[in-house]
């Protein structure tokens, strides 16, 4: 990460449109990258994008005529 800007969960929620509660849940389950500074949680601006990339499920390809 070249840029040192970090966002609070509330700021990240406002930037991404994701609910703050969902972001805090991802923090509590350590599913998203964050920095804990005292009692504050700080996240990189691309934290949601990284989470989506790591958890994206690609469709499986099936051969025609292969059936279900």
N, C-alpha and C. Protein backbone atom coordinates (compact mmCIF):
# COMPACT_ATOMS: atom_id res chain seq x y z
N UNK A 1 0.86 -1.17 0.00
CA UNK A 1 0.00 0.00 0.00
C UNK A 1 0.90 1.23 0.00
N UNK A 2 0.83 2.01 -1.05
CA UNK A 2 1.66 3.20 -1.17
C UNK A 2 1.12 4.35 -0.34
N UNK A 3 -0.17 4.48 -0.29
CA UNK A 3 -0.81 5.56 0.42
C UNK A 3 -1.05 5.16 1.87
N UNK A 4 -0.77 6.05 2.80
CA UNK A 4 -0.93 5.73 4.22
C UNK A 4 -2.27 6.18 4.77
N UNK A 5 -3.20 6.56 3.91
CA UNK A 5 -4.49 7.01 4.40
C UNK A 5 -5.30 5.81 4.89
N UNK A 6 -5.85 5.94 6.07
CA UNK A 6 -6.69 4.90 6.66
C UNK A 6 -8.03 5.52 7.01
N UNK A 7 -9.06 4.70 6.98
CA UNK A 7 -10.42 5.17 7.23
C UNK A 7 -11.01 4.47 8.44
N UNK A 8 -11.90 5.14 9.11
CA UNK A 8 -12.67 4.51 10.18
C UNK A 8 -13.74 3.64 9.52
N UNK A 9 -14.32 2.72 10.26
CA UNK A 9 -15.42 1.93 9.67
C UNK A 9 -16.55 2.82 9.13
N UNK A 10 -16.86 3.89 9.82
CA UNK A 10 -17.92 4.80 9.38
C UNK A 10 -17.55 5.47 8.06
N UNK A 11 -16.30 5.91 7.94
CA UNK A 11 -15.84 6.56 6.71
C UNK A 11 -15.83 5.57 5.55
N UNK A 12 -15.38 4.34 5.82
CA UNK A 12 -15.36 3.32 4.77
C UNK A 12 -16.78 2.97 4.33
N UNK A 13 -17.69 2.91 5.27
CA UNK A 13 -19.09 2.65 4.95
C UNK A 13 -19.65 3.76 4.05
N UNK A 14 -19.36 5.00 4.38
CA UNK A 14 -19.84 6.12 3.57
C UNK A 14 -19.23 6.09 2.18
N UNK A 15 -17.97 5.71 2.08
CA UNK A 15 -17.27 5.68 0.80
C UNK A 15 -17.75 4.54 -0.09
N UNK A 16 -18.04 3.38 0.51
CA UNK A 16 -18.38 2.20 -0.29
C UNK A 16 -19.87 1.94 -0.42
N UNK A 17 -20.66 2.49 0.48
CA UNK A 17 -22.09 2.20 0.47
C UNK A 17 -22.44 0.94 1.24
N UNK A 18 -21.45 0.28 1.82
CA UNK A 18 -21.71 -0.90 2.65
C UNK A 18 -22.15 -0.43 4.03
N UNK A 19 -23.03 -1.16 4.70
CA UNK A 19 -23.43 -0.77 6.05
C UNK A 19 -22.25 -0.85 7.02
N UNK A 20 -22.17 0.13 7.90
CA UNK A 20 -21.09 0.15 8.90
C UNK A 20 -21.14 -1.11 9.76
N UNK A 21 -22.33 -1.58 10.07
CA UNK A 21 -22.48 -2.79 10.89
C UNK A 21 -21.83 -4.00 10.21
N UNK A 22 -21.99 -4.11 8.89
CA UNK A 22 -21.38 -5.22 8.15
C UNK A 22 -19.85 -5.11 8.19
N UNK A 23 -19.34 -3.91 8.03
CA UNK A 23 -17.89 -3.71 8.08
C UNK A 23 -17.36 -4.07 9.46
N UNK A 24 -18.06 -3.67 10.51
CA UNK A 24 -17.63 -4.01 11.87
C UNK A 24 -17.70 -5.53 12.10
N UNK A 25 -18.65 -6.21 11.49
CA UNK A 25 -18.74 -7.67 11.60
C UNK A 25 -17.53 -8.31 10.91
N UNK A 26 -17.14 -7.79 9.76
CA UNK A 26 -15.97 -8.31 9.05
C UNK A 26 -14.70 -8.09 9.88
N UNK A 27 -14.65 -6.97 10.60
CA UNK A 27 -13.51 -6.71 11.49
C UNK A 27 -13.52 -7.72 12.63
N UNK A 28 -14.67 -7.94 13.24
CA UNK A 28 -14.75 -8.84 14.40
C UNK A 28 -14.41 -10.28 14.05
N UNK A 29 -14.67 -10.67 12.81
CA UNK A 29 -14.34 -12.04 12.38
C UNK A 29 -12.97 -12.10 11.70
N UNK A 30 -12.28 -10.96 11.69
CA UNK A 30 -10.95 -10.85 11.05
C UNK A 30 -10.99 -11.29 9.60
N UNK A 31 -12.07 -10.92 8.92
CA UNK A 31 -12.25 -11.25 7.51
C UNK A 31 -11.77 -10.14 6.60
N UNK A 32 -11.43 -9.01 7.18
CA UNK A 32 -11.04 -7.84 6.41
C UNK A 32 -9.77 -7.27 7.04
N UNK A 33 -8.94 -6.64 6.22
CA UNK A 33 -7.69 -6.09 6.72
C UNK A 33 -7.96 -4.81 7.51
N UNK A 34 -7.36 -4.69 8.69
CA UNK A 34 -7.55 -3.50 9.52
C UNK A 34 -6.36 -3.31 10.44
N UNK A 35 -6.28 -2.14 11.02
CA UNK A 35 -5.28 -1.80 12.02
C UNK A 35 -6.01 -1.40 13.28
N UNK A 36 -5.64 -1.99 14.40
CA UNK A 36 -6.24 -1.60 15.67
C UNK A 36 -5.27 -0.65 16.35
N UNK A 37 -5.73 0.55 16.62
CA UNK A 37 -4.91 1.57 17.26
C UNK A 37 -5.64 1.99 18.54
N UNK A 38 -5.21 1.40 19.65
CA UNK A 38 -5.95 1.62 20.89
C UNK A 38 -7.30 0.94 20.79
N UNK A 39 -8.34 1.73 20.93
CA UNK A 39 -9.69 1.17 20.80
C UNK A 39 -10.29 1.45 19.42
N UNK A 40 -9.51 2.10 18.56
CA UNK A 40 -9.99 2.46 17.22
C UNK A 40 -9.56 1.43 16.18
N UNK A 41 -10.42 1.24 15.21
CA UNK A 41 -10.12 0.37 14.07
C UNK A 41 -9.97 1.26 12.84
N UNK A 42 -8.90 1.04 12.09
CA UNK A 42 -8.64 1.81 10.89
C UNK A 42 -8.44 0.84 9.73
N UNK A 43 -8.99 1.19 8.58
CA UNK A 43 -8.98 0.30 7.42
C UNK A 43 -8.42 1.01 6.20
N UNK A 44 -7.72 0.28 5.33
CA UNK A 44 -7.28 0.88 4.08
C UNK A 44 -8.50 1.13 3.18
N UNK A 45 -8.43 2.14 2.34
CA UNK A 45 -9.58 2.46 1.48
C UNK A 45 -10.02 1.32 0.57
N UNK A 46 -9.11 0.41 0.24
CA UNK A 46 -9.45 -0.69 -0.66
C UNK A 46 -9.78 -1.99 0.08
N UNK A 47 -10.05 -1.91 1.37
CA UNK A 47 -10.30 -3.11 2.18
C UNK A 47 -11.49 -3.92 1.67
N UNK A 48 -12.56 -3.26 1.29
CA UNK A 48 -13.74 -3.97 0.78
C UNK A 48 -13.42 -4.64 -0.55
N UNK A 49 -12.70 -3.92 -1.41
CA UNK A 49 -12.32 -4.50 -2.71
C UNK A 49 -11.47 -5.76 -2.50
N UNK A 50 -10.52 -5.70 -1.57
CA UNK A 50 -9.68 -6.87 -1.28
C UNK A 50 -10.53 -8.03 -0.77
N UNK A 51 -11.47 -7.74 0.10
CA UNK A 51 -12.36 -8.77 0.65
C UNK A 51 -13.15 -9.44 -0.47
N UNK A 52 -13.70 -8.63 -1.36
CA UNK A 52 -14.49 -9.17 -2.47
C UNK A 52 -13.61 -10.04 -3.37
N UNK A 53 -12.42 -9.56 -3.69
CA UNK A 53 -11.50 -10.32 -4.55
C UNK A 53 -11.16 -11.68 -3.93
N UNK A 54 -10.89 -11.70 -2.62
CA UNK A 54 -10.53 -12.96 -1.94
C UNK A 54 -11.68 -13.94 -1.86
N UNK A 55 -12.90 -13.44 -1.81
CA UNK A 55 -14.05 -14.29 -1.57
C UNK A 55 -14.94 -14.51 -2.79
N UNK A 56 -14.55 -13.97 -3.92
CA UNK A 56 -15.35 -14.12 -5.13
C UNK A 56 -15.33 -15.59 -5.56
N UNK A 57 -16.49 -16.12 -5.83
CA UNK A 57 -16.61 -17.49 -6.32
C UNK A 57 -16.85 -17.42 -7.82
N UNK A 58 -15.96 -18.02 -8.55
CA UNK A 58 -16.09 -18.04 -10.00
C UNK A 58 -17.06 -19.15 -10.39
N UNK A 59 -17.86 -18.93 -11.42
CA UNK A 59 -18.79 -19.98 -11.85
C UNK A 59 -18.01 -21.17 -12.39
N UNK A 60 -18.52 -22.34 -12.10
CA UNK A 60 -17.86 -23.53 -12.64
C UNK A 60 -18.37 -23.75 -14.06
N UNK A 61 -17.47 -24.12 -14.92
CA UNK A 61 -17.88 -24.38 -16.29
C UNK A 61 -18.29 -25.83 -16.41
N UNK A 62 -19.27 -26.07 -17.19
CA UNK A 62 -19.69 -27.45 -17.42
C UNK A 62 -19.74 -27.68 -18.92
N UNK A 63 -19.49 -28.89 -19.30
CA UNK A 63 -19.49 -29.21 -20.73
C UNK A 63 -20.91 -29.45 -21.19
N UNK A 64 -21.20 -29.01 -22.40
CA UNK A 64 -22.53 -29.21 -22.95
C UNK A 64 -22.84 -30.69 -23.06
N UNK A 65 -24.04 -31.05 -22.72
CA UNK A 65 -24.44 -32.44 -22.79
C UNK A 65 -24.00 -33.25 -21.59
N UNK A 66 -23.32 -32.59 -20.66
CA UNK A 66 -22.82 -33.27 -19.47
C UNK A 66 -23.90 -33.50 -18.44
N UNK A 67 -25.03 -32.84 -18.62
CA UNK A 67 -26.12 -33.01 -17.68
C UNK A 67 -25.90 -32.21 -16.40
N UNK A 68 -26.80 -32.42 -15.45
CA UNK A 68 -26.74 -31.67 -14.20
C UNK A 68 -25.89 -32.41 -13.30
